[in-house]
């Protein structure tokens, strides 16, 4: 707190007593003052370099508006259904992406382009806001903040870790408070569903492998900062067009991915052998593989876990499908769900099947707990624990806990035999 007070005092002193402007040495000293920039080089009043599609809002802020058909039938979903947060629906969302002067964040990183889309009646409205030069950051951030204040949920791809922090930080540096709304980061959802199936969950890979989209001459995100700096020096609008297109495509991909995620639960087939069935509208498939992502056991297990977190009632049915398709992880989650819901007989059936699938340690441990605490069958519980100790490979770090459980069960069994009336 003392450091912050001292810093404020120093800044206030600088404001009241600005340093005197030093003159450049004359030419006799071997140095010459820098040349003044040519007319219009950084002059916002003569900024004719932006396409006519852009509307000038303020001295340094420009906006472009598009009305597009949106992918997916958002109208079929109710409020709070996956993947939308509780009490919200697709109409409450703003899908956004930023372009910045650096990829690492920090106080020196500036947001110069924000693309945002939202549902408006029967179409998708997409707006892009562009900052043409550094002095206009305040007016630019004010315009962008106005967009977010109208919605309840900000949908992004890694925005929860990067974009949102940067926007709030830049707004704070301009003496503003950026609107705080709920965040829906599709990167985390994609990792839960496809993280164990895809080699990467980058947006580009998700586009290619899940959305079946391939960008043509897209500008890599790593080259965006360099393009903006060149624009500031050369004022050549052609340098920016690939940046604008890259940002636009990122935003539209968010809308498409949200649509696919929302459709997944209803598209997962039921049956004992779902892997033999068709893919989700023939599009959510792994190229070069006949197994569609929506039906892949690992992907289905991840989807079911997400549905559980969203308290979606379809979670159990999706887990059943993945379990029947051979997913041990789905079986574990399904058994845990049955146990929490006190459906113990169903849970026992799941654990028995997991045991047959070779998941001995997990299945027998759960069964041992069930027999000991619910059925009060200490003998069967002890048999399962000893079967693991003597017949399974146990992590040396976990073996002591198994031995402790066996010894405790032996004592309980001995006590029960010595006192048949105890019942435990």
Protein backbone atom coordinates (compact mmCIF):
# COMPACT_ATOMS: atom_id res chain seq x y z
CA UNK A 1 0.00 0.00 0.00
CA UNK A 2 2.89 2.34 0.80
CA UNK A 3 4.46 1.64 -2.59
CA UNK A 4 1.19 2.47 -4.36
CA UNK A 5 0.87 5.76 -2.43
CA UNK A 6 4.45 6.70 -3.23
CA UNK A 7 3.90 5.93 -6.91
CA UNK A 8 0.79 8.12 -7.01
CA UNK A 9 2.71 10.96 -5.41
CA UNK A 10 5.53 10.70 -7.97
CA UNK A 11 3.06 10.63 -10.88
CA UNK A 12 1.24 13.66 -9.49
CA UNK A 13 4.55 15.53 -9.17
CA UNK A 14 5.38 14.76 -12.81
CA UNK A 15 1.99 16.06 -13.94
CA UNK A 16 2.44 19.32 -12.04
CA UNK A 17 6.10 19.79 -13.02
CA UNK A 18 6.58 18.34 -16.52
CA UNK A 19 10.23 18.05 -17.62
CA UNK A 20 11.47 20.76 -19.96
CA UNK A 21 11.68 19.81 -23.60
CA UNK A 22 15.29 19.36 -24.64
CA UNK A 23 16.40 20.79 -27.96
CA UNK A 24 18.22 18.68 -30.48
CA UNK A 25 21.84 19.63 -31.14
CA UNK A 26 22.43 21.70 -34.23
CA UNK A 27 23.96 20.36 -37.38
CA UNK A 28 27.39 21.64 -36.34
CA UNK A 29 27.48 19.00 -33.64
CA UNK A 30 27.15 16.29 -36.30
CA UNK A 31 23.49 15.50 -35.50
CA UNK A 32 20.31 16.65 -37.18
CA UNK A 33 16.82 16.80 -35.77
CA UNK A 34 14.44 14.12 -37.06
CA UNK A 35 12.46 14.98 -40.14
CA UNK A 36 8.83 15.80 -39.63
CA UNK A 37 6.52 13.13 -41.00
CA UNK A 38 4.98 13.87 -44.35
CA UNK A 39 1.46 15.13 -44.59
CA UNK A 40 -0.98 12.34 -43.69
CA UNK A 41 1.72 9.88 -42.57
CA UNK A 42 0.25 9.64 -39.06
CA UNK A 43 -2.43 12.29 -39.47
CA UNK A 44 -5.83 10.86 -38.59
CA UNK A 45 -7.54 13.75 -40.39
CA UNK A 46 -6.13 12.50 -43.69
CA UNK A 47 -6.67 8.80 -43.04
CA UNK A 48 -8.09 7.74 -46.38
CA UNK A 49 -6.35 4.38 -46.20
CA UNK A 50 -9.27 2.49 -44.65
CA UNK A 51 -11.74 0.79 -46.96
CA UNK A 52 -15.09 2.46 -47.61
CA UNK A 53 -16.71 -0.46 -45.76
CA UNK A 54 -15.50 1.10 -42.53
CA UNK A 55 -17.36 3.84 -40.72
CA UNK A 56 -15.36 6.43 -38.84
CA UNK A 57 -16.72 6.76 -35.30
CA UNK A 58 -14.12 9.04 -33.74
CA UNK A 59 -10.76 10.49 -34.68
CA UNK A 60 -8.95 7.15 -34.44
CA UNK A 61 -11.73 4.54 -34.17
CA UNK A 62 -13.37 2.81 -37.14
CA UNK A 63 -16.18 0.25 -37.33
CA UNK A 64 -17.32 -2.26 -39.93
CA UNK A 65 -20.73 -3.97 -39.76
CA UNK A 66 -21.89 -7.15 -41.49
CA UNK A 67 -25.19 -9.02 -41.36
CA UNK A 68 -24.78 -12.75 -41.96
CA UNK A 69 -26.83 -15.93 -41.73
CA UNK A 70 -25.74 -17.85 -38.64
CA UNK A 71 -24.88 -21.57 -38.59
CA UNK A 72 -27.07 -23.89 -36.56
CA UNK A 73 -30.62 -23.52 -35.37
CA UNK A 74 -30.07 -21.62 -32.13
CA UNK A 75 -33.81 -21.21 -31.75
CA UNK A 76 -34.26 -24.88 -30.77
CA UNK A 77 -32.37 -24.56 -27.47
CA UNK A 78 -33.76 -23.43 -24.17
CA UNK A 79 -32.13 -21.12 -21.68
CA UNK A 80 -29.42 -22.78 -19.64
CA UNK A 81 -28.96 -25.78 -21.97
CA UNK A 82 -25.43 -26.87 -22.75
CA UNK A 83 -23.09 -25.11 -23.39
CA UNK A 84 -24.72 -21.89 -22.19
CA UNK A 85 -24.40 -20.87 -18.53
CA UNK A 86 -27.44 -21.27 -16.31
CA UNK A 87 -30.12 -18.70 -16.99
CA UNK A 88 -28.68 -17.67 -20.35
CA UNK A 89 -29.16 -18.62 -23.98
CA UNK A 90 -27.56 -17.92 -27.35
CA UNK A 91 -29.23 -14.50 -27.58
CA UNK A 92 -27.34 -13.44 -24.43
CA UNK A 93 -23.92 -14.18 -25.94
CA UNK A 94 -21.35 -12.00 -27.62
CA UNK A 95 -18.75 -13.98 -29.61
CA UNK A 96 -15.50 -12.05 -29.73
CA UNK A 97 -11.83 -12.13 -30.61
CA UNK A 98 -9.04 -9.55 -30.37
CA UNK A 99 -5.92 -8.74 -32.35
CA UNK A 100 -3.06 -7.18 -30.41
CA UNK A 101 0.44 -5.76 -30.79
CA UNK A 102 1.93 -8.78 -28.99
CA UNK A 103 1.05 -12.32 -28.04
CA UNK A 104 2.51 -12.42 -24.53
CA UNK A 105 0.25 -9.80 -22.92
CA UNK A 106 1.57 -7.34 -20.38
CA UNK A 107 1.33 -3.58 -19.95
CA UNK A 108 2.96 -2.87 -23.31
CA UNK A 109 0.50 -4.94 -25.35
CA UNK A 110 -2.20 -2.94 -27.09
CA UNK A 111 -5.54 -4.16 -28.47
CA UNK A 112 -6.03 -2.59 -31.89
CA UNK A 113 -8.81 -4.73 -33.37
CA UNK A 114 -11.88 -6.33 -31.77
CA UNK A 115 -14.33 -8.48 -33.69
CA UNK A 116 -17.67 -9.32 -32.09
CA UNK A 117 -20.82 -11.09 -33.26
CA UNK A 118 -24.23 -11.71 -31.75
CA UNK A 119 -27.65 -12.96 -32.75
CA UNK A 120 -30.03 -10.28 -33.89
CA UNK A 121 -33.49 -11.50 -34.87
CA UNK A 122 -33.01 -13.78 -37.88
CA UNK A 123 -29.36 -13.06 -38.61
CA UNK A 124 -25.90 -12.76 -37.12
CA UNK A 125 -24.54 -9.24 -36.67
CA UNK A 126 -20.76 -8.97 -36.84
CA UNK A 127 -18.96 -5.75 -35.95
CA UNK A 128 -15.23 -5.02 -36.06
CA UNK A 129 -13.64 -2.08 -34.26
CA UNK A 130 -10.25 -0.84 -35.42
CA UNK A 131 -7.82 1.52 -33.69
CA UNK A 132 -5.85 3.43 -36.33
CA UNK A 133 -3.23 4.89 -33.99
CA UNK A 134 -2.12 4.81 -30.36
CA UNK A 135 -3.47 8.19 -29.21
CA UNK A 136 -7.05 6.98 -29.75
CA UNK A 137 -6.96 4.04 -27.37
CA UNK A 138 -9.32 5.70 -24.89
CA UNK A 139 -12.09 6.34 -27.40
CA UNK A 140 -11.51 2.89 -28.92
CA UNK A 141 -11.85 1.10 -25.56
CA UNK A 142 -14.99 3.11 -24.79
CA UNK A 143 -16.61 1.92 -28.01
CA UNK A 144 -15.65 -1.71 -27.38
CA UNK A 145 -16.86 -1.59 -23.77
CA UNK A 146 -20.24 -0.46 -25.02
CA UNK A 147 -20.62 -3.73 -26.93
CA UNK A 148 -19.96 -5.95 -23.93
CA UNK A 149 -22.25 -4.01 -21.62
CA UNK A 150 -25.24 -5.12 -23.70
CA UNK A 151 -24.71 -8.88 -23.24
CA UNK A 152 -24.52 -11.40 -20.38
CA UNK A 153 -21.99 -13.93 -21.71
CA UNK A 154 -18.69 -13.36 -23.55
CA UNK A 155 -17.80 -16.35 -25.76
CA UNK A 156 -14.15 -16.68 -26.76
CA UNK A 157 -11.33 -19.12 -27.45
CA UNK A 158 -8.75 -18.73 -24.69
CA UNK A 159 -10.28 -15.38 -23.85
CA UNK A 160 -10.65 -16.30 -20.20
CA UNK A 161 -6.86 -16.46 -19.88
CA UNK A 162 -5.82 -13.81 -22.39
CA UNK A 163 -8.27 -11.53 -24.22
CA UNK A 164 -10.52 -10.58 -21.31
CA UNK A 165 -7.58 -9.76 -19.02
CA UNK A 166 -6.00 -7.62 -21.72
CA UNK A 167 -9.23 -5.71 -22.41
CA UNK A 168 -9.77 -5.01 -18.74
CA UNK A 169 -6.17 -3.99 -18.27
CA UNK A 170 -6.18 -1.57 -21.20
CA UNK A 171 -9.49 -0.10 -20.04
CA UNK A 172 -8.07 0.39 -16.57
CA UNK A 173 -5.07 2.22 -18.01
CA UNK A 174 -7.55 4.60 -19.67
CA UNK A 175 -9.36 5.21 -16.39
CA UNK A 176 -12.29 2.97 -17.34
CA UNK A 177 -13.91 -0.11 -15.82
CA UNK A 178 -14.53 -2.76 -18.45
CA UNK A 179 -17.93 -4.53 -18.13
CA UNK A 180 -17.69 -7.74 -16.08
CA UNK A 181 -19.91 -10.41 -17.61
CA UNK A 182 -19.86 -14.21 -17.54
CA UNK A 183 -17.26 -15.90 -19.72
CA UNK A 184 -17.68 -19.01 -21.84
CA UNK A 185 -14.26 -20.10 -23.07
CA UNK A 186 -14.65 -22.72 -25.80
CA UNK A 187 -11.01 -23.76 -25.50
CA UNK A 188 -11.71 -25.45 -22.16
CA UNK A 189 -14.85 -27.13 -23.47
CA UNK A 190 -13.03 -28.37 -26.58
CA UNK A 191 -10.23 -29.81 -24.48
CA UNK A 192 -12.70 -31.73 -22.33
CA UNK A 193 -14.41 -33.22 -25.37
CA UNK A 194 -11.61 -33.69 -27.90
CA UNK A 195 -8.45 -33.26 -25.81
CA UNK A 196 -7.75 -37.02 -25.65
CA UNK A 197 -8.64 -37.59 -29.29
CA UNK A 198 -6.97 -34.70 -31.12
CA UNK A 199 -3.25 -34.01 -31.09
CA UNK A 200 -4.00 -30.31 -30.53
CA UNK A 201 -7.00 -28.21 -29.52
CA UNK A 202 -5.83 -25.04 -31.23
CA UNK A 203 -8.64 -23.22 -32.98
CA UNK A 204 -7.07 -24.01 -36.35
CA UNK A 205 -7.02 -27.73 -35.58
CA UNK A 206 -10.57 -27.66 -34.22
CA UNK A 207 -11.68 -25.94 -37.40
CA UNK A 208 -10.07 -28.59 -39.59
CA UNK A 209 -10.88 -31.72 -37.57
CA UNK A 210 -14.22 -30.83 -35.98
CA UNK A 211 -15.81 -28.06 -38.06
CA UNK A 212 -14.41 -29.42 -41.33
CA UNK A 213 -13.21 -25.93 -42.26
CA UNK A 214 -9.92 -25.11 -43.95
CA UNK A 215 -8.82 -21.49 -44.30
CA UNK A 216 -7.12 -20.58 -47.55
CA UNK A 217 -4.47 -17.88 -47.42
CA UNK A 218 -5.07 -17.05 -43.76
CA UNK A 219 -2.53 -14.82 -42.07
CA UNK A 220 -0.96 -16.63 -39.08
CA UNK A 221 -1.77 -14.95 -35.78
CA UNK A 222 1.93 -14.61 -34.99
CA UNK A 223 2.33 -12.20 -37.94
CA UNK A 224 -0.55 -9.91 -36.99
CA UNK A 225 1.47 -7.55 -34.71
CA UNK A 226 4.10 -7.01 -37.40
CA UNK A 227 1.40 -6.10 -39.95
CA UNK A 228 -0.06 -3.48 -37.64
CA UNK A 229 3.32 -1.87 -36.96
CA UNK A 230 4.03 -1.73 -40.69
CA UNK A 231 0.65 -0.10 -41.22
CA UNK A 232 1.48 2.57 -38.65
CA UNK A 233 4.63 3.42 -40.59
CA UNK A 234 3.45 2.99 -44.18
CA UNK A 235 -0.32 3.67 -43.83
CA UNK A 236 -1.02 1.03 -46.47
CA UNK A 237 -4.50 -0.47 -45.98
CA UNK A 238 -3.62 -3.58 -48.00
CA UNK A 239 -1.43 -4.67 -45.11
CA UNK A 240 -4.50 -4.77 -42.87
CA UNK A 241 -6.98 -6.66 -45.03
CA UNK A 242 -5.55 -10.12 -44.10
CA UNK A 243 -5.67 -9.07 -40.43
CA UNK A 244 -9.32 -8.04 -40.69
CA UNK A 245 -10.17 -11.29 -42.48
CA UNK A 246 -8.29 -13.39 -39.91
CA UNK A 247 -10.19 -11.73 -37.07
CA UNK A 248 -13.52 -12.11 -38.83
CA UNK A 249 -12.95 -15.82 -39.47
CA UNK A 250 -11.99 -16.38 -35.83
CA UNK A 251 -15.26 -14.88 -34.64
CA UNK A 252 -17.37 -16.87 -37.10
CA UNK A 253 -15.58 -20.06 -36.03
CA UNK A 254 -16.66 -19.38 -32.46
CA UNK A 255 -20.28 -19.25 -33.57
CA UNK A 256 -19.93 -22.48 -35.55
CA UNK A 257 -18.16 -24.30 -32.72
CA UNK A 258 -20.81 -23.23 -30.21
CA UNK A 259 -23.45 -24.59 -32.56
CA UNK A 260 -21.66 -27.95 -32.84
CA UNK A 261 -21.15 -28.23 -29.08
CA UNK A 262 -24.81 -27.49 -28.48
CA UNK A 263 -25.83 -30.20 -30.95
CA UNK A 264 -23.51 -32.92 -29.64
CA UNK A 265 -25.60 -34.30 -26.76
CA UNK A 266 -28.64 -34.84 -28.95
CA UNK A 267 -26.57 -36.38 -31.74
CA UNK A 268 -24.83 -39.05 -29.66
CA UNK A 269 -26.49 -42.34 -30.69
CA UNK A 270 -27.74 -44.92 -28.27
CA UNK A 271 -27.23 -48.64 -28.54
CA UNK A 272 -24.75 -51.33 -27.61
CA UNK A 273 -22.38 -50.59 -30.47
CA UNK A 274 -22.62 -46.87 -31.30
CA UNK A 275 -19.29 -46.84 -33.12
CA UNK A 276 -20.93 -48.58 -36.04
CA UNK A 277 -23.41 -45.75 -36.52
CA UNK A 278 -23.12 -42.65 -38.66
CA UNK A 279 -21.37 -39.44 -37.59
CA UNK A 280 -22.92 -36.18 -36.58
CA UNK A 281 -24.36 -34.90 -39.84
CA UNK A 282 -21.25 -36.32 -41.47
CA UNK A 283 -19.11 -33.40 -40.36
CA UNK A 284 -17.71 -34.06 -36.88
CA UNK A 285 -15.28 -36.68 -38.07
CA UNK A 286 -11.57 -37.33 -37.92
CA UNK A 287 -10.16 -37.02 -41.41
CA UNK A 288 -8.66 -40.30 -42.52
CA UNK A 289 -10.61 -42.20 -39.84
CA UNK A 290 -14.06 -43.73 -39.98
CA UNK A 291 -14.80 -43.12 -36.32
CA UNK A 292 -16.66 -39.81 -35.92
CA UNK A 293 -15.63 -37.60 -33.04
CA UNK A 294 -19.08 -37.48 -31.59
CA UNK A 295 -19.01 -41.27 -31.21
CA UNK A 296 -15.42 -41.71 -30.06
CA UNK A 297 -15.58 -43.17 -26.50
CA UNK A 298 -13.06 -40.72 -25.08
CA UNK A 299 -14.79 -37.75 -26.66
CA UNK A 300 -18.18 -38.93 -25.45
CA UNK A 301 -16.83 -39.41 -21.93
CA UNK A 302 -15.46 -35.86 -21.98
CA UNK A 303 -18.77 -34.53 -23.28
CA UNK A 304 -20.66 -36.35 -20.54
CA UNK A 305 -18.36 -34.87 -17.88
CA UNK A 306 -19.10 -31.41 -19.26
CA UNK A 307 -22.83 -32.07 -19.26
CA UNK A 308 -22.56 -33.10 -15.64
CA UNK A 309 -20.85 -29.82 -14.76
CA UNK A 310 -23.64 -27.96 -16.56
CA UNK A 311 -26.21 -30.06 -14.68
CA UNK A 312 -27.60 -31.28 -17.97
CA UNK A 313 -29.91 -34.33 -17.50
CA UNK A 314 -28.56 -35.89 -20.70
CA UNK A 315 -25.22 -36.60 -19.01
CA UNK A 316 -26.14 -40.13 -17.84
CA UNK A 317 -27.39 -41.20 -21.28
CA UNK A 318 -24.23 -39.92 -22.96
CA UNK A 319 -22.07 -41.76 -20.40
CA UNK A 320 -24.01 -44.98 -21.01
CA UNK A 321 -23.27 -44.69 -24.71
CA UNK A 322 -19.55 -44.14 -24.15
CA UNK A 323 -19.40 -46.97 -21.62
CA UNK A 324 -21.05 -49.42 -24.00
CA UNK A 325 -18.59 -48.28 -26.64
CA UNK A 326 -15.72 -49.38 -24.40
CA UNK A 327 -14.70 -46.26 -22.49
CA UNK A 328 -13.35 -47.15 -19.05
CA UNK A 329 -13.33 -43.47 -18.11
CA UNK A 330 -17.03 -43.20 -18.96
CA UNK A 331 -17.70 -46.28 -16.86
CA UNK A 332 -15.93 -44.79 -13.87
CA UNK A 333 -17.88 -41.56 -14.22
CA UNK A 334 -21.15 -43.45 -14.66
CA UNK A 335 -20.54 -45.55 -11.55
CA UNK A 336 -19.73 -42.43 -9.56
CA UNK A 337 -22.91 -40.73 -10.84
CA UNK A 338 -25.06 -43.72 -9.81
CA UNK A 339 -23.42 -43.80 -6.38
CA UNK A 340 -24.02 -40.08 -5.78
CA UNK A 341 -27.65 -40.50 -6.86
CA UNK A 342 -27.94 -43.52 -4.50
CA UNK A 343 -28.65 -45.93 -7.34
CA UNK A 344 -26.40 -48.53 -5.75
CA UNK A 345 -27.56 -51.57 -7.70
CA UNK A 346 -26.90 -49.77 -10.98
CA UNK A 347 -23.52 -48.66 -9.68
CA UNK A 348 -22.65 -52.25 -8.71
CA UNK A 349 -23.50 -53.44 -12.23
CA UNK A 350 -21.20 -50.79 -13.71
CA UNK A 351 -18.32 -51.74 -11.38
CA UNK A 352 -18.78 -55.43 -12.20
CA UNK A 353 -18.54 -54.66 -15.89
CA UNK A 354 -15.47 -52.48 -15.34
CA UNK A 355 -13.88 -55.44 -13.56
CA UNK A 356 -14.54 -57.63 -16.61
CA UNK A 357 -13.01 -54.90 -18.80
CA UNK A 358 -9.76 -55.16 -16.80
CA UNK A 359 -10.12 -52.08 -14.63
CA UNK A 360 -9.46 -54.25 -11.57
CA UNK A 361 -8.12 -51.80 -9.01
CA UNK A 362 -10.80 -49.15 -9.44
CA UNK A 363 -13.70 -51.59 -9.80
CA UNK A 364 -12.73 -53.81 -6.86
CA UNK A 365 -12.05 -50.85 -4.59
CA UNK A 366 -15.49 -49.38 -5.30
CA UNK A 367 -17.12 -52.77 -4.85
CA UNK A 368 -15.24 -53.32 -1.57
CA UNK A 369 -16.53 -49.99 -0.25
CA UNK A 370 -20.04 -50.87 -1.39
CA UNK A 371 -20.02 -54.29 0.28
CA UNK A 372 -18.50 -52.95 3.49
CA UNK A 373 -20.58 -49.84 4.04
CA UNK A 374 -23.89 -50.55 2.27
CA UNK A 375 -24.35 -54.33 2.38
CA UNK A 376 -22.27 -54.87 5.56
CA UNK A 377 -20.66 -57.88 3.87
CA UNK A 378 -17.16 -57.61 5.35
CA UNK A 379 -16.08 -60.98 4.04
CA UNK A 380 -16.71 -60.14 0.37
CA UNK A 381 -15.09 -56.75 0.80
CA UNK A 382 -11.99 -58.42 2.26
CA UNK A 383 -11.84 -60.92 -0.61
CA UNK A 384 -11.79 -58.10 -3.17
CA UNK A 385 -9.05 -56.18 -1.37
CA UNK A 386 -6.88 -59.31 -0.99
CA UNK A 387 -7.43 -60.18 -4.67
CA UNK A 388 -5.89 -56.82 -5.57
CA UNK A 389 -3.03 -57.09 -3.08
CA UNK A 390 -2.01 -60.54 -4.22
CA UNK A 391 -3.06 -60.51 -7.86
CA UNK A 392 -2.69 -56.96 -9.17
CA UNK A 393 0.17 -54.58 -9.77
CA UNK A 394 -0.30 -51.70 -7.33
CA UNK A 395 1.64 -48.44 -7.27
CA UNK A 396 4.16 -48.73 -4.39
CA UNK A 397 3.00 -45.35 -3.08
CA UNK A 398 -0.60 -46.57 -2.88
CA UNK A 399 0.11 -50.07 -1.60
CA UNK A 400 0.23 -49.02 2.11
CA UNK A 401 -3.35 -47.73 1.88
CA UNK A 402 -4.46 -51.07 0.48
CA UNK A 403 -2.68 -52.91 3.30
CA UNK A 404 -4.28 -50.59 5.84
CA UNK A 405 -7.72 -51.29 4.34
CA UNK A 406 -7.10 -55.07 4.45
CA UNK A 407 -5.96 -54.96 8.09
CA UNK A 408 -8.95 -52.84 9.07
CA UNK A 409 -11.35 -55.25 7.34
CA UNK A 410 -9.66 -58.21 9.03
CA UNK A 411 -10.18 -56.59 12.43
CA UNK A 412 -13.82 -55.83 11.64
CA UNK A 413 -14.41 -59.37 10.41
CA UNK A 414 -12.77 -60.84 13.52
CA UNK A 415 -14.86 -58.58 15.72
CA UNK A 416 -18.02 -59.56 13.87
CA UNK A 417 -17.26 -63.27 14.22
CA UNK A 418 -16.56 -62.82 17.92
CA UNK A 419 -19.73 -60.78 18.36
CA UNK A 420 -22.37 -61.94 15.82
CA UNK A 421 -24.93 -59.49 17.23
CA UNK A 422 -22.85 -56.42 16.25
CA UNK A 423 -23.83 -56.49 12.56
CA UNK A 424 -20.64 -54.64 11.63
